[in-house]
């Protein structure tokens, strides 16, 4: 059998240095924890999901699910799965 996802509107924000405070407000975490890896400016954040803790890396999308849960999504998967909704 084949299935199609029900069309639902989600909230999401892409993790970048420029919107760190907005991300922290979105997932309701303290505004500390920026990191540097291998001498390259990178940002990462631990996201507490229904399946446990997952790491969101720079440019990953953080999605708020239908039950208010959060989870990270790689940019290419996000692009294939979601379209922007005009408000």
N, C-alpha and C. Protein backbone atom coordinates (compact mmCIF):
# COMPACT_ATOMS: atom_id res chain seq x y z
N UNK A 1 0.83 -1.18 0.00
CA UNK A 1 0.00 0.00 0.00
C UNK A 1 0.87 1.24 0.00
N UNK A 2 0.35 2.31 -0.56
CA UNK A 2 1.06 3.58 -0.58
C UNK A 2 0.26 4.59 0.22
N UNK A 3 0.98 5.55 0.82
CA UNK A 3 0.36 6.59 1.62
C UNK A 3 0.97 7.93 1.25
N UNK A 4 0.22 8.99 1.49
CA UNK A 4 0.71 10.35 1.30
C UNK A 4 0.55 11.09 2.61
N UNK A 5 1.51 11.96 2.94
CA UNK A 5 1.42 12.75 4.15
C UNK A 5 0.23 13.69 4.07
N UNK A 6 -0.45 13.83 5.19
CA UNK A 6 -1.53 14.80 5.26
C UNK A 6 -0.92 16.20 5.18
N UNK A 7 -1.55 17.09 4.46
CA UNK A 7 -1.00 18.45 4.40
C UNK A 7 -1.24 19.18 5.72
N UNK A 8 -0.15 19.48 6.40
CA UNK A 8 -0.23 20.25 7.63
C UNK A 8 0.76 21.41 7.55
N UNK A 9 0.46 22.47 8.25
CA UNK A 9 1.36 23.61 8.31
C UNK A 9 2.24 23.45 9.54
N UNK A 10 3.55 23.56 9.35
CA UNK A 10 4.50 23.44 10.46
C UNK A 10 5.22 24.77 10.64
N UNK A 11 5.82 24.93 11.79
CA UNK A 11 6.71 26.06 12.03
C UNK A 11 8.13 25.53 11.96
N UNK A 12 9.03 26.28 11.32
CA UNK A 12 10.42 25.85 11.21
C UNK A 12 11.31 27.08 11.08
N UNK A 13 12.55 26.92 11.49
CA UNK A 13 13.53 28.00 11.37
C UNK A 13 14.88 27.35 11.10
N UNK A 14 15.67 27.98 10.24
CA UNK A 14 16.98 27.44 9.88
C UNK A 14 18.03 27.94 10.87
N UNK A 15 18.86 27.02 11.35
CA UNK A 15 19.89 27.33 12.35
C UNK A 15 21.09 28.01 11.69
N UNK A 16 21.31 29.27 12.04
CA UNK A 16 22.47 30.04 11.55
C UNK A 16 23.01 30.90 12.70
N UNK A 17 24.20 31.44 12.52
CA UNK A 17 24.75 32.36 13.52
C UNK A 17 23.87 33.59 13.65
N UNK A 18 23.34 34.05 12.53
CA UNK A 18 22.60 35.32 12.52
C UNK A 18 21.29 35.27 13.30
N UNK A 19 20.72 34.09 13.50
CA UNK A 19 19.44 34.03 14.19
C UNK A 19 19.48 33.20 15.47
N UNK A 20 20.65 33.12 16.10
CA UNK A 20 20.81 32.31 17.31
C UNK A 20 19.77 32.64 18.37
N UNK A 21 19.56 33.92 18.68
CA UNK A 21 18.60 34.30 19.71
C UNK A 21 17.18 33.89 19.33
N UNK A 22 16.83 34.05 18.06
CA UNK A 22 15.52 33.65 17.58
C UNK A 22 15.32 32.13 17.71
N UNK A 23 16.36 31.37 17.38
CA UNK A 23 16.32 29.91 17.53
C UNK A 23 16.10 29.53 18.99
N UNK A 24 16.88 30.14 19.88
CA UNK A 24 16.76 29.83 21.31
C UNK A 24 15.36 30.14 21.82
N UNK A 25 14.78 31.24 21.39
CA UNK A 25 13.40 31.56 21.77
C UNK A 25 12.43 30.54 21.20
N UNK A 26 12.66 30.13 19.97
CA UNK A 26 11.78 29.18 19.29
C UNK A 26 11.70 27.85 20.03
N UNK A 27 12.86 27.31 20.44
CA UNK A 27 12.89 26.02 21.12
C UNK A 27 12.94 26.15 22.64
N UNK A 28 12.89 27.40 23.12
CA UNK A 28 12.83 27.70 24.55
C UNK A 28 14.02 27.11 25.32
N UNK A 29 15.23 27.53 24.88
CA UNK A 29 16.46 27.14 25.58
C UNK A 29 17.27 28.39 25.89
N UNK A 30 18.21 28.32 26.86
CA UNK A 30 19.05 29.48 27.17
C UNK A 30 19.87 29.91 25.95
N UNK A 31 20.22 31.18 25.91
CA UNK A 31 20.92 31.74 24.74
C UNK A 31 22.44 31.58 24.86
N UNK A 32 22.90 30.50 25.45
CA UNK A 32 24.33 30.20 25.47
C UNK A 32 24.55 28.89 24.73
N UNK A 33 25.77 28.48 24.54
CA UNK A 33 26.02 27.19 23.92
C UNK A 33 26.55 27.26 22.50
N UNK A 34 26.88 28.45 22.02
CA UNK A 34 27.51 28.51 20.69
C UNK A 34 28.80 27.74 20.73
N UNK A 35 29.19 27.16 19.60
CA UNK A 35 30.39 26.35 19.61
C UNK A 35 31.24 26.53 18.38
N UNK A 36 32.49 26.15 18.49
CA UNK A 36 33.42 26.17 17.37
C UNK A 36 33.98 24.77 17.25
N UNK A 37 34.04 24.24 16.05
CA UNK A 37 34.53 22.90 15.79
C UNK A 37 35.67 22.96 14.78
N UNK A 38 36.75 22.28 15.06
CA UNK A 38 37.87 22.19 14.10
C UNK A 38 38.33 23.55 13.58
N UNK A 39 38.36 24.54 14.44
CA UNK A 39 38.81 25.90 14.09
C UNK A 39 37.97 26.54 12.98
N UNK A 40 36.81 26.00 12.69
CA UNK A 40 35.90 26.60 11.71
C UNK A 40 34.68 27.11 12.45
N UNK A 41 34.21 28.29 12.09
CA UNK A 41 33.04 28.80 12.79
C UNK A 41 31.79 28.00 12.43
N UNK A 42 31.36 27.17 13.35
CA UNK A 42 30.17 26.36 13.15
C UNK A 42 29.27 26.55 14.36
N UNK A 43 28.04 26.26 14.18
CA UNK A 43 27.09 26.36 15.28
C UNK A 43 26.32 25.05 15.33
N UNK A 44 26.01 24.62 16.52
CA UNK A 44 25.23 23.40 16.71
C UNK A 44 24.39 23.55 17.96
N UNK A 45 23.34 22.75 18.03
CA UNK A 45 22.44 22.82 19.17
C UNK A 45 21.86 21.43 19.39
N UNK A 46 21.72 21.05 20.66
CA UNK A 46 21.04 19.80 20.97
C UNK A 46 19.55 20.07 21.01
N UNK A 47 18.80 19.24 20.31
CA UNK A 47 17.35 19.36 20.26
C UNK A 47 16.76 18.15 20.99
N UNK A 48 15.88 18.42 21.92
CA UNK A 48 15.24 17.34 22.67
C UNK A 48 13.97 16.93 21.93
N UNK A 49 13.99 15.73 21.36
CA UNK A 49 12.90 15.23 20.53
C UNK A 49 12.14 14.14 21.28
N UNK A 50 11.07 13.67 20.68
CA UNK A 50 10.31 12.56 21.27
C UNK A 50 11.14 11.27 21.28
N UNK A 51 12.15 11.19 20.41
CA UNK A 51 13.00 10.00 20.33
C UNK A 51 14.30 10.15 21.10
N UNK A 52 14.48 11.24 21.82
CA UNK A 52 15.72 11.50 22.55
C UNK A 52 16.40 12.75 22.02
N UNK A 53 17.64 12.95 22.40
CA UNK A 53 18.39 14.14 22.02
C UNK A 53 19.03 13.96 20.65
N UNK A 54 18.87 14.96 19.78
CA UNK A 54 19.50 14.96 18.46
C UNK A 54 20.25 16.27 18.29
N UNK A 55 21.31 16.23 17.51
CA UNK A 55 22.12 17.42 17.25
C UNK A 55 21.65 18.09 15.96
N UNK A 56 21.39 19.39 16.05
CA UNK A 56 21.11 20.20 14.87
C UNK A 56 22.38 20.98 14.56
N UNK A 57 22.84 20.88 13.32
CA UNK A 57 24.04 21.58 12.89
C UNK A 57 23.68 22.84 12.12
N UNK A 58 24.69 23.66 11.87
CA UNK A 58 24.50 24.88 11.10
C UNK A 58 23.77 24.58 9.79
N UNK A 59 22.78 25.37 9.49
CA UNK A 59 21.92 25.30 8.30
C UNK A 59 20.87 24.20 8.34
N UNK A 60 20.87 23.35 9.37
CA UNK A 60 19.75 22.44 9.55
C UNK A 60 18.51 23.25 9.89
N UNK A 61 17.37 22.70 9.58
CA UNK A 61 16.10 23.31 9.94
C UNK A 61 15.64 22.68 11.25
N UNK A 62 15.10 23.50 12.14
CA UNK A 62 14.48 22.99 13.36
C UNK A 62 12.99 23.13 13.17
N UNK A 63 12.30 22.00 13.25
CA UNK A 63 10.87 21.94 12.97
C UNK A 63 10.11 21.73 14.27
N UNK A 64 9.02 22.47 14.40
CA UNK A 64 8.10 22.25 15.51
C UNK A 64 6.99 21.35 15.00
N UNK A 65 6.87 20.17 15.59
CA UNK A 65 5.91 19.18 15.13
C UNK A 65 4.48 19.47 15.57
N UNK A 66 3.58 18.60 15.17
CA UNK A 66 2.15 18.80 15.41
C UNK A 66 1.78 18.72 16.89
N UNK A 67 2.62 18.11 17.71
CA UNK A 67 2.36 18.04 19.15
C UNK A 67 3.23 19.01 19.94
N UNK A 68 3.88 19.96 19.23
CA UNK A 68 4.73 20.94 19.89
C UNK A 68 6.15 20.46 20.12
N UNK A 69 6.47 19.28 19.63
CA UNK A 69 7.82 18.74 19.78
C UNK A 69 8.74 19.36 18.72
N UNK A 70 10.04 19.29 18.95
CA UNK A 70 11.02 19.84 18.01
C UNK A 70 11.90 18.73 17.48
N UNK A 71 12.36 18.90 16.26
CA UNK A 71 13.33 17.96 15.72
C UNK A 71 14.09 18.63 14.58
N UNK A 72 15.37 18.24 14.38
CA UNK A 72 16.17 18.81 13.30
C UNK A 72 15.90 18.11 11.97
N UNK A 73 16.14 18.84 10.88
CA UNK A 73 15.95 18.30 9.54
C UNK A 73 17.04 18.87 8.64
N UNK A 74 17.72 18.01 7.90
CA UNK A 74 18.77 18.45 6.98
C UNK A 74 18.16 19.31 5.88
N UNK A 75 18.92 20.32 5.40
CA UNK A 75 18.38 21.26 4.40
C UNK A 75 17.85 20.60 3.14
N UNK A 76 18.51 19.56 2.62
CA UNK A 76 18.04 18.94 1.39
C UNK A 76 16.72 18.19 1.59
N UNK A 77 16.56 17.54 2.73
CA UNK A 77 15.31 16.85 3.04
C UNK A 77 14.19 17.87 3.26
N UNK A 78 14.51 18.96 3.95
CA UNK A 78 13.52 20.01 4.18
C UNK A 78 13.02 20.57 2.85
N UNK A 79 13.95 20.83 1.95
CA UNK A 79 13.61 21.39 0.63
C UNK A 79 12.70 20.45 -0.17
N UNK A 80 12.93 19.14 -0.07
CA UNK A 80 12.13 18.16 -0.81
C UNK A 80 10.76 17.94 -0.17
N UNK A 81 10.63 18.25 1.12
CA UNK A 81 9.43 17.90 1.85
C UNK A 81 8.47 19.07 2.08
N UNK A 82 8.99 20.28 2.21
CA UNK A 82 8.17 21.42 2.60
C UNK A 82 8.20 22.54 1.59
N UNK A 83 7.10 23.30 1.54
CA UNK A 83 7.00 24.52 0.75
C UNK A 83 6.64 25.65 1.70
N UNK A 84 7.14 26.85 1.42
CA UNK A 84 6.81 28.00 2.25
C UNK A 84 5.35 28.38 2.05
N UNK A 85 4.68 28.69 3.15
CA UNK A 85 3.29 29.12 3.12
C UNK A 85 3.27 30.63 3.23
N UNK A 86 2.59 31.26 2.30
CA UNK A 86 2.45 32.72 2.37
C UNK A 86 1.37 33.04 3.40
N UNK A 87 1.71 33.96 4.30
CA UNK A 87 0.74 34.32 5.35
C UNK A 87 -0.10 35.50 4.93
